Amino acid sequence: MAIPSDAPGMIPASPHVHAAFEPRQFFYHVNWRSRAYHAGATLTAHHGSGSDFAGFASLLACPDPKRIDIRASVRTVPRQWLVRTYLERAAIRVYAIVDVSSSMFFQGEANLRQQVTEFVSSLAWSVTRQGDAFGMAAAHDALPHTWQVPPSFQPGTAQAVAQRMTQYWQQAAPQNHGASAMPAAMAAIGAQRALVFLLSDFYWPEALMQQVLQAGQPHDVMPVVLRDRTATEGLPAFGWARLRDMESGEVRSWMLRQGLHQRIMDHDRQHMQALNARFLTAGTRPPLWLKPDWRAEEVSRHLMESMA
């Protein structure tokens, strides 16, 4: 993503991010069955002592006299005792896969790093309060593989994630890193189905996008797109500007004029439409375009309406 290198406020002098953590709880749901055995809120295929009716079975197959159904038993031919069977509910794994490439250091109307920290921390808070396991991984070209949070049910996971992400943003600096490690971060989740929140600005080449989406095929993927409108709007009306690509470091000079402004805005609109179509083709949920002033109620509504 190219931005004016001399535009005030677009490249922060310090990568500081506030460490304050105020969780916002939102709600999600999945319509696939968990294969885990840890108690939770998601329906499973395991028969047990849950409350979701599954059907009838022979008393010999399920020796639980307390659940004998007299009416169902007298209708059987030949006669046999039938008992009601129920399905268990279990937890699922919820992951946040975060793009921390250099383009995520862009700062204009909003601070993308602070926005990512608040959303991921609130996600961890929401997940653990619902009884599920939260894990995360962050990736760019040269990020060590230790920058991961294994799935955890611990109530303090959200606070730990907020603190760790804040420390990372404070210590890191934009060093022309791309997002080539994102497919590996996605593949590291494993084959067991999980709900995956994929956070990025998605200024990716097509080959990288294809690799990431292919690695996410076994999972329920929720793309979360972070954008700052000042990247394409509010540029100087006329004159020369030096634009720097935050990931490659390439600097180019452009003559800004009305026609170029319109081309930039048209390209941004086309890119949004192409992203929506790309995610639809890949079988993910409809992307969540996260606004700087996002509200938990809006996120909950989107998640409930976009069950994959």
C-alpha atoms as a PDB file:
ATOM      1  CA  MET A   1       0.000   0.000   0.000  1.00  0.00           C
ATOM      2  CA  ALA A   2       1.470   3.336  -1.009  1.00  0.00           C
ATOM      3  CA  ILE A   3       1.037   6.443   1.122  1.00  0.00           C
ATOM      4  CA  PRO A   4       2.427   9.991   0.941  1.00  0.00           C
ATOM      5  CA  SER A   5       5.740   9.970   2.764  1.00  0.00           C
ATOM      6  CA  ASP A   6       5.505  13.677   3.534  1.00  0.00           C
ATOM      7  CA  ALA A   7       1.843  13.775   4.598  1.00  0.00           C
ATOM      8  CA  PRO A   8       1.482  14.832   8.253  1.00  0.00           C
ATOM      9  CA  GLY A   9       0.266  12.177  10.677  1.00  0.00           C
ATOM     10  CA  MET A  10       0.417   9.266   8.257  1.00  0.00           C
ATOM     11  CA  ILE A  11       3.641   7.687   9.501  1.00  0.00           C
ATOM     12  CA  PRO A  12       3.788   7.954  13.290  1.00  0.00           C
ATOM     13  CA  ALA A  13       7.046   9.033  14.856  1.00  0.00           C
ATOM     14  CA  SER A  14       6.580   6.423  17.565  1.00  0.00           C
ATOM     15  CA  PRO A  15       4.903   3.000  17.370  1.00  0.00           C
ATOM     16  CA  HIS A  16       3.353   3.506  20.796  1.00  0.00           C
ATOM     17  CA  VAL A  17      -0.044   1.939  21.403  1.00  0.00           C
ATOM     18  CA  HIS A  18      -2.043   2.574  24.546  1.00  0.00           C
ATOM     19  CA  ALA A  19      -2.142  -0.416  26.854  1.00  0.00           C
ATOM     20  CA  ALA A  20      -5.602   0.310  28.291  1.00  0.00           C
ATOM     21  CA  PHE A  21      -7.874  -2.694  27.944  1.00  0.00           C
ATOM     22  CA  GLU A  22     -11.631  -2.227  27.981  1.00  0.00           C
ATOM     23  CA  PRO A  23     -13.233  -5.448  26.710  1.00  0.00           C
ATOM     24  CA  ARG A  24     -16.302  -5.270  24.516  1.00  0.00           C
ATOM     25  CA  GLN A  25     -18.215  -8.523  24.456  1.00  0.00           C
ATOM     26  CA  PHE A  26     -19.834  -9.656  21.250  1.00  0.00           C
ATOM     27  CA  PHE A  27     -21.494 -12.939  20.377  1.00  0.00           C
ATOM     28  CA  TYR A  28     -20.953 -15.534  17.667  1.00  0.00           C
ATOM     29  CA  HIS A  29     -22.456 -18.853  16.683  1.00  0.00           C
ATOM     30  CA  VAL A  30     -21.533 -21.758  14.424  1.00  0.00           C
ATOM     31  CA  ASN A  31     -23.859 -24.218  12.698  1.00  0.00           C
ATOM     32  CA  TRP A  32     -21.341 -27.036  12.495  1.00  0.00           C
ATOM     33  CA  ARG A  33     -20.743 -29.615  15.211  1.00  0.00           C
ATOM     34  CA  SER A  34     -17.830 -29.621  17.585  1.00  0.00           C
ATOM     35  CA  ARG A  35     -15.704 -32.743  17.828  1.00  0.00           C
ATOM     36  CA  ALA A  36     -14.221 -31.794  21.190  1.00  0.00           C
ATOM     37  CA  TYR A  37     -15.186 -33.211  24.582  1.00  0.00           C
ATOM     38  CA  HIS A  38     -14.601 -30.106  26.705  1.00  0.00           C
ATOM     39  CA  ALA A  39     -17.944 -28.765  27.952  1.00  0.00           C
ATOM     40  CA  GLY A  40     -19.198 -25.806  25.973  1.00  0.00           C
ATOM     41  CA  ALA A  41     -22.147 -24.309  24.076  1.00  0.00           C
ATOM     42  CA  THR A  42     -21.775 -25.905  20.627  1.00  0.00           C
ATOM     43  CA  LEU A  43     -23.739 -28.951  19.557  1.00  0.00           C
ATOM     44  CA  THR A  44     -21.784 -32.174  19.020  1.00  0.00           C
ATOM     45  CA  ALA A  45     -22.466 -35.635  17.591  1.00  0.00           C
ATOM     46  CA  HIS A  46     -21.642 -37.268  20.951  1.00  0.00           C
ATOM     47  CA  HIS A  47     -24.498 -38.949  22.772  1.00  0.00           C
ATOM     48  CA  GLY A  48     -24.532 -38.228  26.471  1.00  0.00           C
ATOM     49  CA  SER A  49     -26.267 -36.324  29.237  1.00  0.00           C
ATOM     50  CA  GLY A  50     -26.991 -33.156  27.282  1.00  0.00           C
ATOM     51  CA  SER A  51     -30.373 -31.520  26.716  1.00  0.00           C
ATOM     52  CA  ASP A  52     -30.621 -31.736  22.905  1.00  0.00           C
ATOM     53  CA  PHE A  53     -32.904 -34.593  21.874  1.00  0.00           C
ATOM     54  CA  ALA A  54     -31.257 -36.922  19.343  1.00  0.00           C
ATOM     55  CA  GLY A  55     -33.765 -39.768  18.983  1.00  0.00           C
ATOM     56  CA  PHE A  56     -34.597 -43.181  20.447  1.00  0.00           C
ATOM     57  CA  ALA A  57     -32.422 -46.183  21.125  1.00  0.00           C
ATOM     58  CA  SER A  58     -32.925 -49.641  22.549  1.00  0.00           C
ATOM     59  CA  LEU A  59     -32.635 -49.992  26.315  1.00  0.00           C
ATOM     60  CA  LEU A  60     -30.046 -52.694  25.700  1.00  0.00           C
ATOM     61  CA  ALA A  61     -27.949 -50.272  23.644  1.00  0.00           C
ATOM     62  CA  CYS A  62     -28.364 -47.406  26.122  1.00  0.00           C
ATOM     63  CA  PRO A  63     -29.066 -48.938  29.565  1.00  0.00           C
ATOM     64  CA  ASP A  64     -30.553 -45.868  31.267  1.00  0.00           C
ATOM     65  CA  PRO A  65     -34.004 -46.755  32.716  1.00  0.00           C
ATOM     66  CA  LYS A  66     -34.606 -43.126  33.760  1.00  0.00           C
ATOM     67  CA  ARG A  67     -35.027 -42.181  30.091  1.00  0.00           C
ATOM     68  CA  ILE A  68     -37.483 -44.904  29.033  1.00  0.00           C
ATOM     69  CA  ASP A  69     -40.204 -43.487  26.784  1.00  0.00           C
ATOM     70  CA  ILE A  70     -43.419 -45.486  27.337  1.00  0.00           C
ATOM     71  CA  ARG A  71     -45.316 -44.102  24.343  1.00  0.00           C
ATOM     72  CA  ALA A  72     -42.483 -44.780  21.922  1.00  0.00           C
ATOM     73  CA  SER A  73     -41.975 -48.266  23.377  1.00  0.00           C
ATOM     74  CA  VAL A  74     -45.593 -49.415  22.936  1.00  0.00           C
ATOM     75  CA  ARG A  75     -45.512 -48.440  19.258  1.00  0.00           C
ATOM     76  CA  THR A  76     -42.584 -50.703  18.448  1.00  0.00           C
ATOM     77  CA  VAL A  77     -42.999 -53.972  16.571  1.00  0.00           C
ATOM     78  CA  PRO A  78     -41.785 -56.283  17.985  1.00  0.00           C
ATOM     79  CA  ARG A  79     -42.145 -54.795  21.447  1.00  0.00           C
ATOM     80  CA  GLN A  80     -38.999 -53.408  23.054  1.00  0.00           C
ATOM     81  CA  TRP A  81     -38.111 -50.746  25.561  1.00  0.00           C
ATOM     82  CA  LEU A  82     -36.910 -47.502  24.005  1.00  0.00           C
ATOM     83  CA  VAL A  83     -35.016 -44.748  25.766  1.00  0.00           C
ATOM     84  CA  ARG A  84     -34.533 -41.146  24.745  1.00  0.00           C
ATOM     85  CA  THR A  85     -31.008 -40.171  23.713  1.00  0.00           C
ATOM     86  CA  TYR A  86     -29.483 -36.704  23.858  1.00  0.00           C
ATOM     87  CA  LEU A  87     -26.508 -34.928  22.350  1.00  0.00           C
ATOM     88  CA  GLU A  88     -23.746 -33.321  24.362  1.00  0.00           C
ATOM     89  CA  ARG A  89     -22.574 -29.750  23.902  1.00  0.00           C
ATOM     90  CA  ALA A  90     -18.882 -28.948  23.754  1.00  0.00           C
ATOM     91  CA  ALA A  91     -16.424 -26.123  23.251  1.00  0.00           C
ATOM     92  CA  ILE A  92     -14.803 -25.068  19.987  1.00  0.00           C
ATOM     93  CA  ARG A  93     -11.469 -23.446  19.224  1.00  0.00           C
ATOM     94  CA  VAL A  94     -11.514 -19.825  18.104  1.00  0.00           C
ATOM     95  CA  TYR A  95      -8.388 -18.309  16.565  1.00  0.00           C
ATOM     96  CA  ALA A  96      -7.272 -14.849  15.569  1.00  0.00           C
ATOM     97  CA  ILE A  97      -4.718 -14.893  12.742  1.00  0.00           C
ATOM     98  CA  VAL A  98      -3.285 -11.379  12.601  1.00  0.00           C
ATOM     99  CA  ASP A  99      -1.349  -9.751   9.792  1.00  0.00           C
ATOM    100  CA  VAL A 100       1.380  -7.608  11.400  1.00  0.00           C
ATOM    101  CA  SER A 101       3.184  -6.664   8.196  1.00  0.00           C
ATOM    102  CA  SER A 102       4.465  -3.131   7.685  1.00  0.00           C
ATOM    103  CA  SER A 103       1.261  -1.877   6.083  1.00  0.00           C
ATOM    104  CA  MET A 104      -0.500  -2.398   9.418  1.00  0.00           C
ATOM    105  CA  PHE A 105       1.603   0.462  10.812  1.00  0.00           C
ATOM    106  CA  PHE A 106      -0.334   2.921   8.694  1.00  0.00           C
ATOM    107  CA  GLN A 107      -1.857   5.682  10.773  1.00  0.00           C
ATOM    108  CA  GLY A 108      -4.247   8.252   9.435  1.00  0.00           C
ATOM    109  CA  GLU A 109      -7.753   8.771  10.761  1.00  0.00           C
ATOM    110  CA  ALA A 110      -7.356   5.736  13.015  1.00  0.00           C
ATOM    111  CA  ASN A 111      -4.499   3.758  14.548  1.00  0.00           C
ATOM    112  CA  LEU A 112      -4.692   0.314  12.940  1.00  0.00           C
ATOM    113  CA  ARG A 113      -2.481  -1.233  15.609  1.00  0.00           C
ATOM    114  CA  GLN A 114      -4.678   0.002  18.418  1.00  0.00           C
ATOM    115  CA  GLN A 115      -7.748  -1.132  16.489  1.00  0.00           C
ATOM    116  CA  VAL A 116      -6.302  -4.634  16.042  1.00  0.00           C
ATOM    117  CA  THR A 117      -5.348  -4.841  19.720  1.00  0.00           C
ATOM    118  CA  GLU A 118      -8.811  -3.800  20.892  1.00  0.00           C
ATOM    119  CA  PHE A 119     -10.622  -6.179  18.557  1.00  0.00           C
ATOM    120  CA  VAL A 120      -8.452  -9.242  19.255  1.00  0.00           C
ATOM    121  CA  SER A 121      -8.559  -8.633  23.002  1.00  0.00           C
ATOM    122  CA  SER A 122     -12.342  -8.246  22.917  1.00  0.00           C
ATOM    123  CA  LEU A 123     -12.547 -11.420  20.837  1.00  0.00           C
ATOM    124  CA  ALA A 124     -10.519 -13.305  23.455  1.00  0.00           C
ATOM    125  CA  TRP A 125     -12.775 -11.895  26.176  1.00  0.00           C
ATOM    126  CA  SER A 126     -15.924 -12.957  24.309  1.00  0.00           C
ATOM    127  CA  VAL A 127     -14.590 -16.425  23.515  1.00  0.00           C
ATOM    128  CA  THR A 128     -13.521 -17.340  27.045  1.00  0.00           C
ATOM    129  CA  ARG A 129     -16.787 -16.011  28.520  1.00  0.00           C
ATOM    130  CA  GLN A 130     -18.711 -18.263  26.137  1.00  0.00           C
ATOM    131  CA  GLY A 131     -16.684 -21.267  27.326  1.00  0.00           C
ATOM    132  CA  ASP A 132     -14.571 -21.759  24.210  1.00  0.00           C
ATOM    133  CA  ALA A 133     -10.806 -21.869  23.757  1.00  0.00           C
ATOM    134  CA  PHE A 134      -9.040 -18.829  22.280  1.00  0.00           C
ATOM    135  CA  GLY A 135      -5.729 -18.908  20.453  1.00  0.00           C
ATOM    136  CA  MET A 136      -3.934 -16.535  18.138  1.00  0.00           C
ATOM    137  CA  ALA A 137      -0.963 -16.184  15.849  1.00  0.00           C
ATOM    138  CA  ALA A 138       0.616 -13.119  14.279  1.00  0.00           C
ATOM    139  CA  ALA A 139       2.734 -13.251  11.150  1.00  0.00           C
ATOM    140  CA  HIS A 140       4.926 -11.308   8.776  1.00  0.00           C
ATOM    141  CA  ASP A 141       7.984 -12.200   6.718  1.00  0.00           C
ATOM    142  CA  ALA A 142      10.524 -12.372   9.533  1.00  0.00           C
ATOM    143  CA  LEU A 143       8.433 -12.902  12.665  1.00  0.00           C
ATOM    144  CA  PRO A 144       9.620 -15.747  14.924  1.00  0.00           C
ATOM    145  CA  HIS A 145       7.305 -18.732  15.226  1.00  0.00           C
ATOM    146  CA  THR A 146       7.114 -18.137  19.000  1.00  0.00           C
ATOM    147  CA  TRP A 147       4.676 -15.244  18.435  1.00  0.00           C
ATOM    148  CA  GLN A 148       1.684 -17.466  19.107  1.00  0.00           C
ATOM    149  CA  VAL A 149      -0.857 -17.963  21.875  1.00  0.00           C
ATOM    150  CA  PRO A 150      -1.938 -21.609  22.220  1.00  0.00           C
ATOM    151  CA  PRO A 151      -5.691 -22.222  22.634  1.00  0.00           C
ATOM    152  CA  SER A 152      -6.684 -21.542  26.238  1.00  0.00           C
ATOM    153  CA  PHE A 153      -9.844 -21.540  28.352  1.00  0.00           C
ATOM    154  CA  GLN A 154      -8.267 -19.346  31.036  1.00  0.00           C
ATOM    155  CA  PRO A 155     -10.380 -16.299  32.042  1.00  0.00           C
ATOM    156  CA  GLY A 156      -7.316 -14.029  31.974  1.00  0.00           C
ATOM    157  CA  THR A 157      -6.483 -14.785  28.340  1.00  0.00           C
ATOM    158  CA  ALA A 158      -7.912 -11.490  27.074  1.00  0.00           C
ATOM    159  CA  GLN A 159      -5.806  -9.380  29.417  1.00  0.00           C
ATOM    160  CA  ALA A 160      -2.685 -11.380  28.568  1.00  0.00           C
ATOM    161  CA  VAL A 161      -3.324 -10.973  24.831  1.00  0.00           C
ATOM    162  CA  ALA A 162      -3.903  -7.223  25.201  1.00  0.00           C
ATOM    163  CA  GLN A 163      -0.658  -6.809  27.129  1.00  0.00           C
ATOM    164  CA  ARG A 164       1.378  -8.943  24.750  1.00  0.00           C
ATOM    165  CA  MET A 165       0.084  -7.237  21.632  1.00  0.00           C
ATOM    166  CA  THR A 166       0.663  -3.796  23.147  1.00  0.00           C
ATOM    167  CA  GLN A 167       4.254  -4.717  23.985  1.00  0.00           C
ATOM    168  CA  TYR A 168       4.791  -6.014  20.487  1.00  0.00           C
ATOM    169  CA  TRP A 169       3.541  -2.823  18.818  1.00  0.00           C
ATOM    170  CA  GLN A 170       5.658  -0.690  21.145  1.00  0.00           C
ATOM    171  CA  GLN A 171       8.832  -2.624  20.364  1.00  0.00           C
ATOM    172  CA  ALA A 172       8.257  -3.302  16.661  1.00  0.00           C
ATOM    173  CA  ALA A 173       8.920  -0.878  13.854  1.00  0.00           C
ATOM    174  CA  PRO A 174       7.917  -0.809  10.181  1.00  0.00           C
ATOM    175  CA  GLN A 175      10.850  -2.497   8.437  1.00  0.00           C
ATOM    176  CA  ASN A 176       9.435  -3.283   5.011  1.00  0.00           C
ATOM    177  CA  HIS A 177       7.959  -6.624   6.038  1.00  0.00           C
ATOM    178  CA  GLY A 178       5.325  -8.331   3.920  1.00  0.00           C
ATOM    179  CA  ALA A 179       2.760 -10.960   4.905  1.00  0.00           C
ATOM    180  CA  SER A 180       4.274 -14.052   3.275  1.00  0.00           C
ATOM    181  CA  ALA A 181       4.090 -16.072   6.527  1.00  0.00           C
ATOM    182  CA  MET A 182       0.298 -15.842   6.756  1.00  0.00           C
ATOM    183  CA  PRO A 183      -0.320 -19.211   5.004  1.00  0.00           C
ATOM    184  CA  ALA A 184       1.976 -20.945   7.507  1.00  0.00           C
ATOM    185  CA  ALA A 185       0.185 -19.270  10.436  1.00  0.00           C
ATOM    186  CA  MET A 186      -3.147 -20.471   9.070  1.00  0.00           C
ATOM    187  CA  ALA A 187      -1.873 -24.007   8.438  1.00  0.00           C
ATOM    188  CA  ALA A 188      -0.465 -24.228  11.983  1.00  0.00           C
ATOM    189  CA  ILE A 189      -4.019 -24.342  13.370  1.00  0.00           C
ATOM    190  CA  GLY A 190      -4.286 -27.971  12.304  1.00  0.00           C
ATOM    191  CA  ALA A 191      -7.005 -29.954  10.588  1.00  0.00           C
ATOM    192  CA  GLN A 192      -9.599 -29.886  13.377  1.00  0.00           C
ATOM    193  CA  ARG A 193     -12.316 -27.406  12.405  1.00  0.00           C
ATOM    194  CA  ALA A 194     -12.127 -24.044  14.164  1.00  0.00           C
ATOM    195  CA  LEU A 195     -13.656 -20.587  13.899  1.00  0.00           C
ATOM    196  CA  VAL A 196     -10.871 -18.371  12.529  1.00  0.00           C
ATOM    197  CA  PHE A 197     -10.867 -14.577  12.492  1.00  0.00           C
ATOM    198  CA  LEU A 198      -8.442 -13.460   9.784  1.00  0.00           C
ATOM    199  CA  LEU A 199      -7.377  -9.847  10.399  1.00  0.00           C
ATOM    200  CA  SER A 200      -5.568  -7.805   7.762  1.00  0.00           C
ATOM    201  CA  ASP A 201      -5.869  -4.862   5.412  1.00  0.00           C
ATOM    202  CA  PHE A 202      -5.696  -7.513   2.652  1.00  0.00           C
ATOM    203  CA  TYR A 203      -3.413  -5.514   0.386  1.00  0.00           C
ATOM    204  CA  TRP A 204      -2.024  -8.866  -0.732  1.00  0.00           C
ATOM    205  CA  PRO A 205      -0.935 -10.214  -4.112  1.00  0.00           C
ATOM    206  CA  GLU A 206      -3.319 -12.758  -5.602  1.00  0.00           C
ATOM    207  CA  ALA A 207      -0.904 -15.660  -5.082  1.00  0.00           C
ATOM    208  CA  LEU A 208      -0.654 -14.960  -1.335  1.00  0.00           C
ATOM    209  CA  MET A 209      -4.420 -14.559  -1.035  1.00  0.00           C
ATOM    210  CA  GLN A 210      -4.944 -17.920  -2.718  1.00  0.00           C
ATOM    211  CA  GLN A 211      -2.457 -19.650  -0.407  1.00  0.00           C
ATOM    212  CA  VAL A 212      -4.048 -18.240   2.744  1.00  0.00           C
ATOM    213  CA  LEU A 213      -7.599 -19.097   1.692  1.00  0.00           C
ATOM    214  CA  GLN A 214      -6.547 -22.584   0.634  1.00  0.00           C
ATOM    215  CA  ALA A 215      -4.903 -23.162   4.021  1.00  0.00           C
ATOM    216  CA  GLY A 216      -8.139 -22.042   5.682  1.00  0.00           C
ATOM    217  CA  GLN A 217     -10.405 -24.437   3.749  1.00  0.00           C
ATOM    218  CA  PRO A 218     -10.904 -26.870   6.696  1.00  0.00           C
ATOM    219  CA  HIS A 219     -12.088 -24.026   8.930  1.00  0.00           C
ATOM    220  CA  ASP A 220     -14.903 -21.530   9.370  1.00  0.00           C
ATOM    221  CA  VAL A 221     -13.075 -18.350   8.324  1.00  0.00           C
ATOM    222  CA  MET A 222     -14.290 -14.859   9.208  1.00  0.00           C
ATOM    223  CA  PRO A 223     -12.236 -12.219   7.323  1.00  0.00           C
ATOM    224  CA  VAL A 224     -11.907  -8.936   9.229  1.00  0.00           C
ATOM    225  CA  VAL A 225     -10.824  -6.112   6.922  1.00  0.00           C
ATOM    226  CA  LEU A 226      -9.150  -3.063   8.444  1.00  0.00           C
ATOM    227  CA  ARG A 227      -8.936   0.060   6.327  1.00  0.00           C
ATOM    228  CA  ASP A 228      -8.287   3.746   6.869  1.00  0.00           C
ATOM    229  CA  ARG A 229     -10.110   6.022   4.452  1.00  0.00           C
ATOM    230  CA  THR A 230      -7.290   8.597   4.585  1.00  0.00           C
ATOM    231  CA  ALA A 231      -5.148   6.145   2.590  1.00  0.00           C
ATOM    232  CA  THR A 232      -7.198   7.003  -0.491  1.00  0.00           C
ATOM    233  CA  GLU A 233      -9.014  10.198   0.505  1.00  0.00           C
ATOM    234  CA  GLY A 234      -7.861  13.614   1.621  1.00  0.00           C
ATOM    235  CA  LEU A 235      -4.714  13.675  -0.515  1.00  0.00           C
ATOM    236  CA  PRO A 236      -3.396  17.086  -1.587  1.00  0.00           C
ATOM    237  CA  ALA A 237      -5.517  18.532  -4.401  1.00  0.00           C
ATOM    238  CA  PHE A 238      -2.601  19.337  -6.675  1.00  0.00           C
ATOM    239  CA  GLY A 239       1.174  19.073  -6.734  1.00  0.00           C
ATOM    240  CA  TRP A 240       3.989  16.597  -6.447  1.00  0.00           C
ATOM    241  CA  ALA A 241       3.876  13.947  -3.738  1.00  0.00           C
ATOM    242  CA  ARG A 242       6.291  11.221  -2.759  1.00  0.00           C
ATOM    243  CA  LEU A 243       4.539   7.912  -2.143  1.00  0.00           C
ATOM    244  CA  ARG A 244       6.207   5.095  -0.249  1.00  0.00           C
ATOM    245  CA  ASP A 245       5.101   1.467  -0.256  1.00  0.00           C
ATOM    246  CA  MET A 246       5.204   0.492   3.420  1.00  0.00           C
ATOM    247  CA  GLU A 247       6.048  -3.158   2.733  1.00  0.00           C
ATOM    248  CA  SER A 248       8.547  -2.955  -0.117  1.00  0.00           C
ATOM    249  CA  GLY A 249       9.999   0.439   0.841  1.00  0.00           C
ATOM    250  CA  GLU A 250       9.779   1.613  -2.775  1.00  0.00           C
ATOM    251  CA  VAL A 251       9.404   5.402  -3.146  1.00  0.00           C
ATOM    252  CA  ARG A 252       7.849   7.001  -6.216  1.00  0.00           C
ATOM    253  CA  SER A 253       6.923  10.548  -7.141  1.00  0.00           C
ATOM    254  CA  TRP A 254       3.448  11.292  -8.435  1.00  0.00           C
ATOM    255  CA  MET A 255       1.827  14.386  -9.847  1.00  0.00           C
ATOM    256  CA  LEU A 256      -1.442  14.679  -7.941  1.00  0.00           C
ATOM    257  CA  ARG A 257      -4.384  15.992  -9.905  1.00  0.00           C
ATOM    258  CA  GLN A 258      -8.137  15.500 -10.013  1.00  0.00           C
ATOM    259  CA  GLY A 259      -8.021  12.657 -12.523  1.00  0.00           C
ATOM    260  CA  LEU A 260      -5.524  10.708 -10.416  1.00  0.00           C
ATOM    261  CA  HIS A 261      -7.659  11.219  -7.293  1.00  0.00           C
ATOM    262  CA  GLN A 262     -10.631   9.721  -9.101  1.00  0.00           C
ATOM    263  CA  ARG A 263      -8.558   6.775 -10.321  1.00  0.00           C
ATOM    264  CA  ILE A 264      -7.347   6.081  -6.784  1.00  0.00           C
ATOM    265  CA  MET A 265     -10.880   6.140  -5.390  1.00  0.00           C
ATOM    266  CA  ASP A 266     -12.213   3.980  -8.241  1.00  0.00           C
ATOM    267  CA  HIS A 267      -9.427   1.446  -7.687  1.00  0.00           C
ATOM    268  CA  ASP A 268     -10.195   1.310  -3.969  1.00  0.00           C
ATOM    269  CA  ARG A 269     -13.890   0.700  -4.663  1.00  0.00           C
ATOM    270  CA  GLN A 270     -13.068  -2.005  -7.218  1.00  0.00           C
ATOM    271  CA  HIS A 271     -10.678  -3.638  -4.766  1.00  0.00           C
ATOM    272  CA  MET A 272     -13.418  -3.778  -2.121  1.00  0.00           C
ATOM    273  CA  GLN A 273     -15.793  -5.431  -4.577  1.00  0.00           C
ATOM    274  CA  ALA A 274     -13.088  -7.873  -5.671  1.00  0.00           C
ATOM    275  CA  LEU A 275     -12.359  -8.814  -2.042  1.00  0.00           C
ATOM    276  CA  ASN A 276     -16.021  -9.513  -1.336  1.00  0.00           C
ATOM    277  CA  ALA A 277     -16.232 -11.688  -4.456  1.00  0.00           C
ATOM    278  CA  ARG A 278     -12.955 -13.471  -3.629  1.00  0.00           C
ATOM    279  CA  PHE A 279     -14.115 -14.410  -0.150  1.00  0.00           C
ATOM    280  CA  LEU A 280     -17.474 -15.569  -1.470  1.00  0.00           C
ATOM    281  CA  THR A 281     -15.750 -17.821  -4.011  1.00  0.00           C
ATOM    282  CA  ALA A 282     -13.453 -19.253  -1.334  1.00  0.00           C
ATOM    283  CA  GLY A 283     -16.393 -20.200   0.884  1.00  0.00           C
ATOM    284  CA  THR A 284     -15.598 -17.947   3.840  1.00  0.00           C
ATOM    285  CA  ARG A 285     -18.113 -15.871   5.711  1.00  0.00           C
ATOM    286  CA  PRO A 286     -18.897 -12.422   4.289  1.00  0.00           C
ATOM    287  CA  PRO A 287     -16.065 -10.138   5.434  1.00  0.00           C
ATOM    288  CA  LEU A 288     -16.460  -7.818   8.385  1.00  0.00           C
ATOM    289  CA  TRP A 289     -15.300  -4.332   7.380  1.00  0.00           C
ATOM    290  CA  LEU A 290     -14.188  -3.095  10.774  1.00  0.00           C
ATOM    291  CA  LYS A 291     -14.694   0.632  11.290  1.00  0.00           C
ATOM    292  CA  PRO A 292     -12.446   2.651  13.636  1.00  0.00           C
ATOM    293  CA  ASP A 293     -15.468   3.301  15.886  1.00  0.00           C
ATOM    294  CA  TRP A 294     -16.791  -0.262  15.730  1.00  0.00           C
ATOM    295  CA  ARG A 295     -19.470  -1.343  18.179  1.00  0.00           C
ATOM    296  CA  ALA A 296     -19.869  -4.775  19.752  1.00  0.00           C
ATOM    297  CA  GLU A 297     -23.564  -4.873  18.790  1.00  0.00           C
ATOM    298  CA  GLU A 298     -22.740  -4.417  15.099  1.00  0.00           C
ATOM    299  CA  VAL A 299     -20.087  -7.143  15.238  1.00  0.00           C
ATOM    300  CA  SER A 300     -22.526  -9.533  16.938  1.00  0.00           C
ATOM    301  CA  ARG A 301     -25.178  -8.834  14.314  1.00  0.00           C
ATOM    302  CA  HIS A 302     -22.744  -9.501  11.475  1.00  0.00           C
ATOM    303  CA  LEU A 303     -21.491 -12.730  13.048  1.00  0.00           C
ATOM    304  CA  MET A 304     -25.003 -14.035  13.698  1.00  0.00           C
ATOM    305  CA  GLU A 305     -26.182 -13.166  10.170  1.00  0.00           C
ATOM    306  CA  SER A 306     -23.166 -14.658   8.428  1.00  0.00           C
ATOM    307  CA  MET A 307     -22.963 -18.172   9.819  1.00  0.00           C
ATOM    308  CA  ALA A 308     -21.103 -20.348   7.319  1.00  0.00           C
END
